[in-house]
Amino acid sequence: MNKTTRILIFILAAFILIGGINHCIKPEIYNPFIPEFLPKITVNYITGITEIALAIGLFIPASPIIS
């Protein structure tokens, strides 16, 4: 993997990590995007934790393809 690709993956991981943290800190921002029949707070936290996990996977050099 060349240097440019690695830098772009790092930037993507940073944005995903910020989004995941934001899901957990300010879940009310994402409420309009969640259908009424789903529990909003649960969906927000599950999505946030998933985004954080994927971002961490992208930060590890051996795992961007898996993430």
Protein backbone atom coordinates (compact mmCIF):
# COMPACT_ATOMS: atom_id res chain seq x y z
CA MET A 1 0.00 0.00 0.00
CA ASN A 2 1.52 3.31 -1.03
CA LYS A 3 1.86 6.38 1.16
CA THR A 4 -1.02 8.34 -0.41
CA THR A 5 -3.46 5.47 0.12
CA ARG A 6 -2.34 5.11 3.73
CA ILE A 7 -2.87 8.84 4.38
CA LEU A 8 -6.34 8.75 2.82
CA ILE A 9 -7.30 5.71 4.92
CA PHE A 10 -6.09 7.55 8.03
CA ILE A 11 -8.23 10.61 7.16
CA LEU A 12 -11.27 8.40 6.51
CA ALA A 13 -10.73 6.61 9.83
CA ALA A 14 -10.51 9.94 11.65
CA PHE A 15 -13.83 11.13 10.18
CA ILE A 16 -15.53 7.82 11.01
CA LEU A 17 -14.14 7.95 14.55
CA ILE A 18 -15.42 11.50 15.06
CA GLY A 19 -18.84 10.46 13.75
CA GLY A 20 -18.95 7.44 16.07
CA ILE A 21 -18.03 9.51 19.09
CA ASN A 22 -20.60 12.11 18.09
CA HIS A 23 -23.29 9.39 17.93
CA CYS A 24 -22.62 8.62 21.59
CA ILE A 25 -22.18 12.19 22.85
CA LYS A 26 -25.03 13.92 20.96
CA PRO A 27 -27.49 11.22 19.87
CA GLU A 28 -30.34 13.74 19.42
CA ILE A 29 -28.66 15.04 16.24
CA TYR A 30 -29.26 11.70 14.50
CA ASN A 31 -32.84 11.12 15.72
CA PRO A 32 -34.51 12.56 12.57
CA PHE A 33 -32.72 9.94 10.45
CA ILE A 34 -33.98 6.96 12.48
CA PRO A 35 -37.41 5.50 11.65
CA GLU A 36 -40.07 5.86 14.34
CA PHE A 37 -40.49 2.10 14.87
CA LEU A 38 -36.86 1.70 16.05
CA PRO A 39 -35.60 2.63 19.53
CA LYS A 40 -33.68 5.81 18.79
CA ILE A 41 -31.18 5.77 21.66
CA THR A 42 -30.30 2.10 21.12
CA VAL A 43 -29.79 2.55 17.40
CA ASN A 44 -27.63 5.62 18.01
CA TYR A 45 -25.34 3.84 20.46
CA ILE A 46 -25.05 0.68 18.34
CA THR A 47 -24.21 2.77 15.28
CA GLY A 48 -21.70 4.86 17.23
CA ILE A 49 -19.94 1.82 18.68
CA THR A 50 -19.84 0.17 15.24
CA GLU A 51 -18.31 3.28 13.67
CA ILE A 52 -15.70 3.51 16.43
CA ALA A 53 -14.79 -0.16 15.97
CA LEU A 54 -14.46 0.25 12.20
CA ALA A 55 -12.31 3.37 12.62
CA ILE A 56 -9.99 1.53 14.99
CA GLY A 57 -9.78 -1.27 12.42
CA LEU A 58 -8.73 1.23 9.78
CA PHE A 59 -6.03 2.70 12.03
CA ILE A 60 -4.35 -0.74 12.35
CA PRO A 61 -2.06 -1.14 9.31
CA ALA A 62 -2.80 -4.84 8.72
CA SER A 63 -6.59 -4.59 8.80
CA PRO A 64 -7.98 -1.89 6.41
CA ILE A 65 -8.96 -4.55 3.88
CA ILE A 66 -10.92 -6.45 6.54
CA SER A 67 -12.58 -3.27 7.86
